[in-house]
Amino acid sequence: MRGYLIPKGVHRREETVRRSRFIATVGHADTAEAAQRLIAMVRAEFPDATHHCWAWQLGAPGDTAQVRASDDGEPAGTAGRPMLSVLVAAPVGEVVAVVTRYFGGVKLGTGGLVRAYSGVLAHALETLPTEEKIRWAYLRLTLEYPQLSALYRALPRWRGQVVDESMAERAALTVRVPHDAVDALAAWVQEASAGGGGVVVVHKEE
């Protein structure tokens, strides 16, 4: 699978809806523990808030295998679930969001709460800084020494990096490249070595 976008740093958006203050905080999380840390950080930052509703989606964009949400005292289904729907529909993965509410004295009703919580989060995601998450594959390459300089020159085209080298009768290197570059690098090794090179996939990140 190709890489995908994940949040870069912690991002925030604030809106006021009928005198209630809504603060959306969005960050990266690839485990439940990481998501809980961000939620705890927001709770500590705004200890006097009325609610801290949250949702997380810990996989690739659209993946619902690792999702959770909480209304944190708001009427059931008016905050956490709408927020989760926004996260699942977003083109970003491994994301946790907390929407903090300071009640302003005017009740919003069920529909108003859904629109407020999902709306501020959707607006936060529109300006969310992102970066690509690369799924790395680790390959063990065996080459003759004259082929090494050509390999070093070729690796950048696949974003490849040498992570280990062993020099004996032949050069043996451990190289990491994105998943989608494995076949291209293996083909290059075979061509450059006239079929004499070795390529073994040692590990692929899931």
Protein backbone atom coordinates (compact mmCIF):
# COMPACT_ATOMS: atom_id res chain seq x y z
CA MET A 1 0.00 0.00 0.00
CA ARG A 2 1.18 3.50 -0.81
CA GLY A 3 1.80 6.10 1.88
CA TYR A 4 -0.94 8.41 3.07
CA LEU A 5 -1.35 11.75 4.79
CA ILE A 6 -1.24 12.13 8.57
CA PRO A 7 -1.46 15.25 10.78
CA LYS A 8 1.76 17.19 11.23
CA GLY A 9 1.88 18.57 14.74
CA VAL A 10 -1.16 19.76 16.71
CA HIS A 11 -3.64 22.04 14.97
CA ARG A 12 -6.43 24.15 16.44
CA ARG A 13 -9.58 25.96 15.27
CA GLU A 14 -12.01 27.96 17.40
CA GLU A 15 -15.57 29.06 16.60
CA THR A 16 -18.44 30.61 18.56
CA VAL A 17 -21.95 29.29 17.98
CA ARG A 18 -24.77 31.12 19.75
CA ARG A 19 -22.45 32.23 22.54
CA SER A 20 -20.97 28.74 23.09
CA ARG A 21 -17.24 28.53 22.44
CA PHE A 22 -16.06 25.48 20.49
CA ILE A 23 -12.33 24.71 20.29
CA ALA A 24 -11.23 21.91 17.95
CA THR A 25 -7.81 20.36 18.58
CA VAL A 26 -6.50 17.86 16.03
CA GLY A 27 -3.32 15.79 16.18
CA HIS A 28 -1.60 12.61 15.08
CA ALA A 29 -2.17 9.26 16.83
CA ASP A 30 -1.40 5.76 15.60
CA THR A 31 -2.24 4.05 18.90
CA ALA A 32 -5.01 4.41 21.47
CA GLU A 33 -2.38 5.45 24.02
CA ALA A 34 -1.19 8.31 21.81
CA ALA A 35 -4.78 9.45 21.25
CA GLN A 36 -5.50 9.37 24.98
CA ARG A 37 -2.41 11.48 25.66
CA LEU A 38 -3.66 14.24 23.38
CA ILE A 39 -7.13 14.11 24.95
CA ALA A 40 -5.58 14.36 28.41
CA MET A 41 -3.42 17.28 27.27
CA VAL A 42 -6.49 19.19 26.08
CA ARG A 43 -8.39 18.46 29.30
CA ALA A 44 -5.46 19.80 31.31
CA GLU A 45 -5.25 22.92 29.15
CA PHE A 46 -8.97 23.73 29.51
CA PRO A 47 -9.90 22.26 32.91
CA ASP A 48 -12.96 24.50 33.36
CA ALA A 49 -14.61 23.63 30.03
CA THR A 50 -18.13 22.22 29.97
CA HIS A 51 -17.31 19.29 27.65
CA HIS A 52 -14.35 17.67 25.93
CA CYS A 53 -15.88 15.53 23.17
CA TRP A 54 -13.49 13.43 21.13
CA ALA A 55 -13.04 10.94 18.32
CA TRP A 56 -10.15 9.04 16.83
CA GLN A 57 -9.37 7.05 13.69
CA LEU A 58 -6.04 5.26 13.97
CA GLY A 59 -5.57 3.70 10.53
CA ALA A 60 -5.28 4.76 6.91
CA PRO A 61 -7.84 7.28 5.61
CA GLY A 62 -11.34 5.80 5.62
CA ASP A 63 -10.34 2.75 7.69
CA THR A 64 -12.87 2.07 10.46
CA ALA A 65 -11.06 -0.85 12.14
CA GLN A 66 -9.70 1.32 14.98
CA VAL A 67 -12.20 4.06 15.77
CA ARG A 68 -13.73 5.43 18.97
CA ALA A 69 -15.73 8.46 20.00
CA SER A 70 -17.20 10.08 23.11
CA ASP A 71 -19.97 12.63 23.69
CA ASP A 72 -18.50 13.47 27.13
CA GLY A 73 -21.86 14.35 28.66
CA GLU A 74 -23.52 15.91 25.62
CA PRO A 75 -26.78 14.23 24.48
CA ALA A 76 -26.01 10.83 22.94
CA GLY A 77 -25.01 10.99 19.30
CA THR A 78 -24.67 14.78 19.12
CA ALA A 79 -20.88 15.15 19.34
CA GLY A 80 -18.55 12.15 19.25
CA ARG A 81 -20.28 10.24 16.48
CA PRO A 82 -20.66 13.26 14.16
CA MET A 83 -17.01 14.09 14.77
CA LEU A 84 -16.02 10.53 13.93
CA SER A 85 -17.99 10.71 10.68
CA VAL A 86 -15.97 13.79 9.73
CA LEU A 87 -12.68 12.02 10.51
CA VAL A 88 -13.56 8.88 8.55
CA ALA A 89 -14.51 10.96 5.52
CA ALA A 90 -11.32 13.03 5.63
CA PRO A 91 -8.32 12.33 3.34
CA VAL A 92 -6.05 11.97 6.36
CA GLY A 93 -5.34 8.99 8.61
CA GLU A 94 -4.07 8.33 12.14
CA VAL A 95 -5.94 11.30 13.54
CA VAL A 96 -7.44 12.22 16.91
CA ALA A 97 -9.71 15.20 17.50
CA VAL A 98 -11.03 16.87 20.65
CA VAL A 99 -13.71 19.55 20.54
CA THR A 100 -13.83 21.51 23.77
CA ARG A 101 -17.03 23.41 24.55
CA TYR A 102 -17.64 26.30 26.90
CA PHE A 103 -21.41 26.57 27.28
CA GLY A 104 -22.64 30.08 26.56
CA GLY A 105 -26.08 29.90 28.13
CA VAL A 106 -28.10 29.17 24.98
CA LYS A 107 -29.17 25.59 24.28
CA LEU A 108 -28.44 24.54 20.71
CA GLY A 109 -30.73 21.51 20.45
CA THR A 110 -29.77 18.15 19.02
CA GLY A 111 -29.36 19.34 15.44
CA GLY A 112 -27.49 22.44 16.51
CA LEU A 113 -25.00 20.42 18.54
CA VAL A 114 -24.36 18.03 15.65
CA ARG A 115 -23.74 20.93 13.28
CA ALA A 116 -21.51 22.76 15.76
CA TYR A 117 -19.28 19.81 16.68
CA SER A 118 -18.95 18.44 13.16
CA GLY A 119 -18.63 21.91 11.65
CA VAL A 120 -15.75 23.19 13.76
CA LEU A 121 -13.87 19.92 13.23
CA ALA A 122 -14.46 19.98 9.47
CA HIS A 123 -13.14 23.54 9.33
CA ALA A 124 -10.09 22.55 11.39
CA LEU A 125 -9.32 19.73 8.96
CA GLU A 126 -9.50 22.12 6.01
CA THR A 127 -6.37 23.92 7.27
CA LEU A 128 -4.70 20.96 8.98
CA PRO A 129 -0.95 20.73 8.21
CA THR A 130 -0.13 17.21 6.98
CA GLU A 131 2.81 15.08 5.98
CA GLU A 132 3.11 11.78 4.16
CA LYS A 133 3.43 8.58 6.14
CA ILE A 134 5.66 6.19 4.23
CA ARG A 135 5.37 2.44 4.68
CA TRP A 136 8.95 1.21 4.44
CA ALA A 137 10.20 -2.08 3.10
CA TYR A 138 13.66 -3.36 4.09
CA LEU A 139 15.66 -5.26 1.47
CA ARG A 140 18.97 -7.10 1.69
CA LEU A 141 20.96 -6.53 -1.50
CA THR A 142 24.03 -8.45 -2.61
CA LEU A 143 26.20 -6.87 -5.29
CA GLU A 144 29.71 -6.86 -6.68
CA TYR A 145 31.78 -3.89 -5.55
CA PRO A 146 31.93 -2.19 -8.99
CA GLN A 147 28.11 -1.90 -8.90
CA LEU A 148 27.96 -0.01 -5.62
CA SER A 149 28.51 3.51 -6.93
CA ALA A 150 25.70 3.06 -9.45
CA LEU A 151 23.42 1.84 -6.66
CA TYR A 152 24.19 4.86 -4.49
CA ARG A 153 23.35 7.16 -7.41
CA ALA A 154 20.12 5.31 -8.18
CA LEU A 155 18.64 5.05 -4.68
CA PRO A 156 17.34 8.65 -4.42
CA ARG A 157 14.95 8.10 -7.32
CA TRP A 158 13.02 5.66 -5.08
CA ARG A 159 13.64 7.60 -1.84
CA GLY A 160 15.85 4.69 -0.82
CA GLN A 161 18.30 4.78 2.08
CA VAL A 162 21.15 2.47 3.06
CA VAL A 163 20.71 1.43 6.70
CA ASP A 164 23.46 -1.19 6.98
CA GLU A 165 26.49 -2.36 5.02
CA SER A 166 28.66 -5.47 5.20
CA MET A 167 31.74 -5.78 3.03
CA ALA A 168 33.14 -9.26 2.44
CA GLU A 169 33.74 -11.06 -0.85
CA ARG A 170 30.69 -9.21 -2.15
CA ALA A 171 28.93 -6.11 -0.86
CA ALA A 172 25.81 -6.80 1.21
CA LEU A 173 23.57 -3.86 2.05
CA THR A 174 20.29 -3.40 3.87
CA VAL A 175 18.26 -0.74 2.11
CA ARG A 176 14.87 0.73 2.93
CA VAL A 177 12.46 1.98 0.27
CA PRO A 178 8.73 2.71 0.17
CA HIS A 179 6.54 -0.34 -0.47
CA ASP A 180 5.72 0.75 -4.01
CA ALA A 181 9.41 0.96 -4.95
CA VAL A 182 10.37 -2.64 -4.08
CA ASP A 183 9.75 -4.12 -7.52
CA ALA A 184 11.52 -1.27 -9.32
CA LEU A 185 14.63 -1.53 -7.14
CA ALA A 186 14.72 -5.32 -7.46
CA ALA A 187 14.49 -5.03 -11.24
CA TRP A 188 17.28 -2.45 -11.25
CA VAL A 189 19.56 -4.73 -9.18
CA GLN A 190 18.99 -7.64 -11.54
CA GLU A 191 19.67 -5.50 -14.59
CA ALA A 192 22.72 -3.76 -13.13
CA SER A 193 24.22 -7.07 -12.01
CA ALA A 194 23.28 -8.98 -15.18
CA GLY A 195 21.24 -11.32 -13.01
CA GLY A 196 24.01 -11.96 -10.52
CA GLY A 197 22.76 -9.71 -7.72
CA GLY A 198 20.65 -10.82 -4.80
CA VAL A 199 17.48 -9.18 -3.45
CA VAL A 200 15.70 -10.45 -0.34
CA VAL A 201 12.79 -8.66 1.34
CA VAL A 202 13.66 -8.68 5.04
CA HIS A 203 10.67 -6.79 6.43
CA LYS A 204 7.69 -4.72 5.32
CA GLU A 205 6.05 -2.24 7.64
CA GLU A 206 2.30 -2.74 7.94
